[in-house]
């Protein structure tokens, strides 16, 4: 795998401090990834909830799925 730049360890080992520029770039990346994960998780959770409700409706009518394949 080709690296696109220095690793965080390489950047941190230089005087054991991050520059303000690197710190702000890291903060921007972290916030963006957290927001992406939170919005993506909400969509999948919504789909799973609807799937379970539909499954319960069919069970209440007496239809059950067999696991025999």
PDB file of N, CA and C in Angstrom:
ATOM      1  N   UNK A   1       0.849  -1.172   0.000  1.00  0.00           N
ATOM      2  CA  UNK A   1       0.000   0.000   0.000  1.00  0.00           C
ATOM      3  C   UNK A   1       0.897   1.238   0.000  1.00  0.00           C
ATOM      4  N   UNK A   2       0.600   2.165  -0.858  1.00  0.00           N
ATOM      5  CA  UNK A   2       1.385   3.391  -0.959  1.00  0.00           C
ATOM      6  C   UNK A   2       0.833   4.427   0.015  1.00  0.00           C
ATOM      7  N   UNK A   3       1.738   5.034   0.760  1.00  0.00           N
ATOM      8  CA  UNK A   3       1.334   6.086   1.686  1.00  0.00           C
ATOM      9  C   UNK A   3       1.203   7.403   0.937  1.00  0.00           C
ATOM     10  N   UNK A   4       0.222   8.183   1.331  1.00  0.00           N
ATOM     11  CA  UNK A   4       0.000   9.473   0.680  1.00  0.00           C
ATOM     12  C   UNK A   4       0.738  10.608   1.369  1.00  0.00           C
ATOM     13  N   UNK A   5       1.414  10.305   2.451  1.00  0.00           N
ATOM     14  CA  UNK A   5       2.151  11.317   3.184  1.00  0.00           C
ATOM     15  C   UNK A   5       2.693  10.716   4.466  1.00  0.00           C
ATOM     16  N   UNK A   6       3.268  11.545   5.323  1.00  0.00           N
ATOM     17  CA  UNK A   6       3.812  11.030   6.577  1.00  0.00           C
ATOM     18  C   UNK A   6       2.698  10.552   7.508  1.00  0.00           C
ATOM     19  N   UNK A   7       3.020   9.565   8.338  1.00  0.00           N
ATOM     20  CA  UNK A   7       2.042   9.051   9.294  1.00  0.00           C
ATOM     21  C   UNK A   7       1.929  10.009  10.483  1.00  0.00           C
ATOM     22  N   UNK A   8       0.917   9.783  11.300  1.00  0.00           N
ATOM     23  CA  UNK A   8       0.763  10.616  12.496  1.00  0.00           C
ATOM     24  C   UNK A   8       1.958  10.463  13.424  1.00  0.00           C
ATOM     25  N   UNK A   9       2.501   9.260  13.506  1.00  0.00           N
ATOM     26  CA  UNK A   9       3.676   9.031  14.351  1.00  0.00           C
ATOM     27  C   UNK A   9       4.862   9.847  13.851  1.00  0.00           C
ATOM     28  N   UNK A  10       5.045   9.904  12.540  1.00  0.00           N
ATOM     29  CA  UNK A  10       6.134  10.709  11.979  1.00  0.00           C
ATOM     30  C   UNK A  10       5.937  12.190  12.289  1.00  0.00           C
ATOM     31  N   UNK A  11       4.719  12.669  12.165  1.00  0.00           N
ATOM     32  CA  UNK A  11       4.445  14.080  12.449  1.00  0.00           C
ATOM     33  C   UNK A  11       4.604  14.391  13.934  1.00  0.00           C
ATOM     34  N   UNK A  12       4.204  13.449  14.782  1.00  0.00           N
ATOM     35  CA  UNK A  12       4.255  13.691  16.221  1.00  0.00           C
ATOM     36  C   UNK A  12       5.675  13.568  16.760  1.00  0.00           C
ATOM     37  N   UNK A  13       6.497  12.731  16.155  1.00  0.00           N
ATOM     38  CA  UNK A  13       7.851  12.527  16.670  1.00  0.00           C
ATOM     39  C   UNK A  13       8.743  13.752  16.466  1.00  0.00           C
ATOM     40  N   UNK A  14       8.328  14.678  15.652  1.00  0.00           N
ATOM     41  CA  UNK A  14       9.079  15.910  15.448  1.00  0.00           C
ATOM     42  C   UNK A  14       8.788  16.856  16.614  1.00  0.00           C
ATOM     43  N   UNK A  15       9.649  16.880  17.608  1.00  0.00           N
ATOM     44  CA  UNK A  15       9.525  17.688  18.833  1.00  0.00           C
ATOM     45  C   UNK A  15       8.320  17.305  19.689  1.00  0.00           C
ATOM     46  N   UNK A  16       7.681  16.188  19.400  1.00  0.00           N
ATOM     47  CA  UNK A  16       6.534  15.692  20.174  1.00  0.00           C
ATOM     48  C   UNK A  16       5.405  16.713  20.278  1.00  0.00           C
ATOM     49  N   UNK A  17       5.238  17.497  19.248  1.00  0.00           N
ATOM     50  CA  UNK A  17       4.158  18.488  19.200  1.00  0.00           C
ATOM     51  C   UNK A  17       3.608  18.565  17.786  1.00  0.00           C
ATOM     52  N   UNK A  18       2.306  18.822  17.706  1.00  0.00           N
ATOM     53  CA  UNK A  18       1.688  19.072  16.414  1.00  0.00           C
ATOM     54  C   UNK A  18       1.661  20.575  16.181  1.00  0.00           C
ATOM     55  N   UNK A  19       1.835  20.970  14.939  1.00  0.00           N
ATOM     56  CA  UNK A  19       1.681  22.384  14.620  1.00  0.00           C
ATOM     57  C   UNK A  19       0.188  22.713  14.629  1.00  0.00           C
ATOM     58  N   UNK A  20      -0.126  23.984  14.678  1.00  0.00           N
ATOM     59  CA  UNK A  20      -1.531  24.409  14.675  1.00  0.00           C
ATOM     60  C   UNK A  20      -2.212  23.946  13.392  1.00  0.00           C
ATOM     61  N   UNK A  21      -1.510  24.014  12.289  1.00  0.00           N
ATOM     62  CA  UNK A  21      -2.074  23.594  11.004  1.00  0.00           C
ATOM     63  C   UNK A  21      -2.440  22.108  11.036  1.00  0.00           C
ATOM     64  N   UNK A  22      -1.529  21.266  11.524  1.00  0.00           N
ATOM     65  CA  UNK A  22      -1.794  19.825  11.584  1.00  0.00           C
ATOM     66  C   UNK A  22      -2.935  19.539  12.547  1.00  0.00           C
ATOM     67  N   UNK A  23      -2.949  20.215  13.690  1.00  0.00           N
ATOM     68  CA  UNK A  23      -4.015  20.012  14.667  1.00  0.00           C
ATOM     69  C   UNK A  23      -5.383  20.345  14.072  1.00  0.00           C
ATOM     70  N   UNK A  24      -5.477  21.459  13.362  1.00  0.00           N
ATOM     71  CA  UNK A  24      -6.750  21.846  12.752  1.00  0.00           C
ATOM     72  C   UNK A  24      -7.161  20.888  11.632  1.00  0.00           C
ATOM     73  N   UNK A  25      -6.188  20.403  10.876  1.00  0.00           N
ATOM     74  CA  UNK A  25      -6.500  19.426   9.826  1.00  0.00           C
ATOM     75  C   UNK A  25      -7.005  18.116  10.433  1.00  0.00           C
ATOM     76  N   UNK A  26      -6.386  17.670  11.524  1.00  0.00           N
ATOM     77  CA  UNK A  26      -6.841  16.455  12.206  1.00  0.00           C
ATOM     78  C   UNK A  26      -8.242  16.642  12.772  1.00  0.00           C
ATOM     79  N   UNK A  27      -8.488  17.783  13.403  1.00  0.00           N
ATOM     80  CA  UNK A  27      -9.811  18.053  13.973  1.00  0.00           C
ATOM     81  C   UNK A  27     -10.876  18.042  12.882  1.00  0.00           C
ATOM     82  N   UNK A  28     -10.574  18.625  11.737  1.00  0.00           N
ATOM     83  CA  UNK A  28     -11.523  18.643  10.623  1.00  0.00           C
ATOM     84  C   UNK A  28     -11.823  17.223  10.139  1.00  0.00           C
ATOM     85  N   UNK A  29     -10.793  16.396  10.012  1.00  0.00           N
ATOM     86  CA  UNK A  29     -10.980  15.006   9.579  1.00  0.00           C
ATOM     87  C   UNK A  29     -11.796  14.210  10.593  1.00  0.00           C
ATOM     88  N   UNK A  30     -11.493  14.369  11.877  1.00  0.00           N
ATOM     89  CA  UNK A  30     -12.197  13.616  12.922  1.00  0.00           C
ATOM     90  C   UNK A  30     -13.665  14.004  12.967  1.00  0.00           C
ATOM     91  N   UNK A  31     -13.951  15.294  12.929  1.00  0.00           N
ATOM     92  CA  UNK A  31     -15.348  15.753  12.967  1.00  0.00           C
ATOM     93  C   UNK A  31     -16.105  15.258  11.737  1.00  0.00           C
ATOM     94  N   UNK A  32     -15.483  15.329  10.581  1.00  0.00           N
ATOM     95  CA  UNK A  32     -16.126  14.846   9.358  1.00  0.00           C
ATOM     96  C   UNK A  32     -16.435  13.362   9.414  1.00  0.00           C
ATOM     97  N   UNK A  33     -15.515  12.569   9.948  1.00  0.00           N
ATOM     98  CA  UNK A  33     -15.740  11.119  10.033  1.00  0.00           C
ATOM     99  C   UNK A  33     -16.811  10.781  11.054  1.00  0.00           C
ATOM    100  N   UNK A  34     -16.845  11.502  12.169  1.00  0.00           N
ATOM    101  CA  UNK A  34     -17.890  11.262  13.170  1.00  0.00           C
ATOM    102  C   UNK A  34     -19.255  11.600  12.592  1.00  0.00           C
ATOM    103  N   UNK A  35     -19.363  12.727  11.914  1.00  0.00           N
ATOM    104  CA  UNK A  35     -20.643  13.106  11.308  1.00  0.00           C
ATOM    105  C   UNK A  35     -21.076  12.084  10.265  1.00  0.00           C
ATOM    106  N   UNK A  36     -20.156  11.597   9.463  1.00  0.00           N
ATOM    107  CA  UNK A  36     -20.485  10.598   8.445  1.00  0.00           C
ATOM    108  C   UNK A  36     -20.988   9.313   9.095  1.00  0.00           C
ATOM    109  N   UNK A  37     -20.297   8.862  10.143  1.00  0.00           N
ATOM    110  CA  UNK A  37     -20.709   7.632  10.817  1.00  0.00           C
ATOM    111  C   UNK A  37     -22.062   7.785  11.487  1.00  0.00           C
ATOM    112  N   UNK A  38     -22.329   8.933  12.085  1.00  0.00           N
ATOM    113  CA  UNK A  38     -23.608   9.127  12.763  1.00  0.00           C
ATOM    114  C   UNK A  38     -24.760   9.171  11.772  1.00  0.00           C
ATOM    115  N   UNK A  39     -24.586   9.829  10.649  1.00  0.00           N
ATOM    116  CA  UNK A  39     -25.679   9.902   9.681  1.00  0.00           C
ATOM    117  C   UNK A  39     -25.883   8.566   8.992  1.00  0.00           C
ATOM    118  N   UNK A  40     -24.827   7.837   8.707  1.00  0.00           N
ATOM    119  CA  UNK A  40     -24.953   6.537   8.056  1.00  0.00           C
ATOM    120  C   UNK A  40     -25.612   5.528   8.991  1.00  0.00           C
ATOM    121  N   UNK A  41     -25.273   5.542  10.255  1.00  0.00           N
ATOM    122  CA  UNK A  41     -25.846   4.613  11.219  1.00  0.00           C
ATOM    123  C   UNK A  41     -27.337   4.854  11.372  1.00  0.00           C
ATOM    124  N   UNK A  42     -27.749   6.108  11.362  1.00  0.00           N
ATOM    125  CA  UNK A  42     -29.171   6.416  11.537  1.00  0.00           C
ATOM    126  C   UNK A  42     -29.992   5.838  10.392  1.00  0.00           C
ATOM    127  N   UNK A  43     -29.481   5.896   9.189  1.00  0.00           N
ATOM    128  CA  UNK A  43     -30.212   5.352   8.048  1.00  0.00           C
ATOM    129  C   UNK A  43     -30.368   3.849   8.162  1.00  0.00           C
ATOM    130  N   UNK A  44     -29.303   3.153   8.531  1.00  0.00           N
ATOM    131  CA  UNK A  44     -29.386   1.704   8.650  1.00  0.00           C
ATOM    132  C   UNK A  44     -30.279   1.298   9.809  1.00  0.00           C
ATOM    133  N   UNK A  45     -30.236   2.031  10.907  1.00  0.00           N
ATOM    134  CA  UNK A  45     -31.091   1.713  12.046  1.00  0.00           C
ATOM    135  C   UNK A  45     -32.549   1.870  11.660  1.00  0.00           C
ATOM    136  N   UNK A  46     -32.862   2.872  10.867  1.00  0.00           N
ATOM    137  CA  UNK A  46     -34.231   3.086  10.434  1.00  0.00           C
ATOM    138  C   UNK A  46     -34.708   1.925   9.568  1.00  0.00           C
ATOM    139  N   UNK A  47     -33.866   1.448   8.682  1.00  0.00           N
ATOM    140  CA  UNK A  47     -34.239   0.333   7.811  1.00  0.00           C
ATOM    141  C   UNK A  47     -34.473  -0.922   8.640  1.00  0.00           C
ATOM    142  N   UNK A  48     -33.622  -1.180   9.630  1.00  0.00           N
ATOM    143  CA  UNK A  48     -33.773  -2.377  10.456  1.00  0.00           C
ATOM    144  C   UNK A  48     -35.056  -2.338  11.266  1.00  0.00           C
ATOM    145  N   UNK A  49     -35.435  -1.197  11.773  1.00  0.00           N
ATOM    146  CA  UNK A  49     -36.660  -1.081  12.556  1.00  0.00           C
ATOM    147  C   UNK A  49     -37.863  -1.425  11.695  1.00  0.00           C
ATOM    148  N   UNK A  50     -37.914  -0.919  10.473  1.00  0.00           N
ATOM    149  CA  UNK A  50     -39.046  -1.204   9.597  1.00  0.00           C
ATOM    150  C   UNK A  50     -39.100  -2.683   9.229  1.00  0.00           C
ATOM    151  N   UNK A  51     -37.961  -3.300   9.043  1.00  0.00           N
ATOM    152  CA  UNK A  51     -37.926  -4.720   8.709  1.00  0.00           C
ATOM    153  C   UNK A  51     -38.480  -5.573   9.831  1.00  0.00           C
ATOM    154  N   UNK A  52     -38.182  -5.228  11.067  1.00  0.00           N
ATOM    155  CA  UNK A  52     -38.679  -5.999  12.208  1.00  0.00           C
ATOM    156  C   UNK A  52     -40.175  -5.808  12.397  1.00  0.00           C
ATOM    157  N   UNK A  53     -40.669  -4.615  12.153  1.00  0.00           N
ATOM    158  CA  UNK A  53     -42.109  -4.376  12.289  1.00  0.00           C
ATOM    159  C   UNK A  53     -42.859  -5.226  11.271  1.00  0.00           C
ATOM    160  N   UNK A  54     -42.376  -5.262  10.046  1.00  0.00           N
ATOM    161  CA  UNK A  54     -43.017  -6.062   8.999  1.00  0.00           C
ATOM    162  C   UNK A  54     -42.988  -7.538   9.373  1.00  0.00           C
ATOM    163  N   UNK A  55     -41.884  -7.995   9.937  1.00  0.00           N
ATOM    164  CA  UNK A  55     -41.753  -9.395  10.333  1.00  0.00           C
ATOM    165  C   UNK A  55     -42.760  -9.734  11.433  1.00  0.00           C
ATOM    166  N   UNK A  56     -42.935  -8.856  12.388  1.00  0.00           N
ATOM    167  CA  UNK A  56     -43.886  -9.102  13.476  1.00  0.00           C
ATOM    168  C   UNK A  56     -45.319  -9.157  12.957  1.00  0.00           C
ATOM    169  N   UNK A  57     -45.644  -8.333  11.971  1.00  0.00           N
ATOM    170  CA  UNK A  57     -46.999  -8.353  11.415  1.00  0.00           C
ATOM    171  C   UNK A  57     -47.297  -9.708  10.781  1.00  0.00           C
ATOM    172  N   UNK A  58     -46.335 -10.256  10.060  1.00  0.00           N
ATOM    173  CA  UNK A  58     -46.564 -11.555   9.421  1.00  0.00           C
ATOM    174  C   UNK A  58     -46.655 -12.665  10.458  1.00  0.00           C
ATOM    175  N   UNK A  59     -45.886 -12.566  11.537  1.00  0.00           N
ATOM    176  CA  UNK A  59     -45.973 -13.581  12.589  1.00  0.00           C
ATOM    177  C   UNK A  59     -47.331 -13.537  13.273  1.00  0.00           C
ATOM    178  N   UNK A  60     -47.886 -12.351  13.455  1.00  0.00           N
ATOM    179  CA  UNK A  60     -49.183 -12.243  14.119  1.00  0.00           C
ATOM    180  C   UNK A  60     -50.293 -12.861  13.276  1.00  0.00           C
ATOM    181  N   UNK A  61     -50.077 -12.961  11.972  1.00  0.00           N
ATOM    182  CA  UNK A  61     -51.060 -13.591  11.091  1.00  0.00           C
ATOM    183  C   UNK A  61     -50.881 -15.108  11.024  1.00  0.00           C
ATOM    184  N   UNK A  62     -49.861 -15.633  11.685  1.00  0.00           N
ATOM    185  CA  UNK A  62     -49.642 -17.070  11.703  1.00  0.00           C
ATOM    186  C   UNK A  62     -48.615 -17.560  10.707  1.00  0.00           C
ATOM    187  N   UNK A  63     -47.939 -16.661  10.037  1.00  0.00           N
ATOM    188  CA  UNK A  63     -46.911 -17.054   9.074  1.00  0.00           C
ATOM    189  C   UNK A  63     -45.542 -16.927   9.730  1.00  0.00           C
ATOM    190  N   UNK A  64     -44.786 -17.984   9.673  1.00  0.00           N
ATOM    191  CA  UNK A  64     -43.447 -17.979  10.240  1.00  0.00           C
ATOM    192  C   UNK A  64     -42.460 -18.408   9.167  1.00  0.00           C
ATOM    193  N   UNK A  65     -41.279 -17.815   9.222  1.00  0.00           N
ATOM    194  CA  UNK A  65     -40.246 -18.203   8.261  1.00  0.00           C
ATOM    195  C   UNK A  65     -39.546 -19.447   8.768  1.00  0.00           C
ATOM    196  N   UNK A  66     -39.312 -20.395   7.884  1.00  0.00           N
ATOM    197  CA  UNK A  66     -38.578 -21.590   8.282  1.00  0.00           C
ATOM    198  C   UNK A  66     -37.101 -21.372   8.010  1.00  0.00           C
ATOM    199  N   UNK A  67     -36.276 -21.949   8.843  1.00  0.00           N
ATOM    200  CA  UNK A  67     -34.833 -21.822   8.690  1.00  0.00           C
ATOM    201  C   UNK A  67     -34.246 -23.031   7.973  1.00  0.00           C
ATOM    202  N   UNK A  68     -35.094 -23.861   7.380  1.00  0.00           N
ATOM    203  CA  UNK A  68     -34.624 -25.075   6.717  1.00  0.00           C
ATOM    204  C   UNK A  68     -33.923 -24.775   5.401  1.00  0.00           C
ATOM    205  N   UNK A  69     -34.256 -23.670   4.781  1.00  0.00           N
ATOM    206  CA  UNK A  69     -33.592 -23.272   3.548  1.00  0.00           C
ATOM    207  C   UNK A  69     -34.313 -23.728   2.383  1.00  0.00           C
TER     208      UNK A  69
END
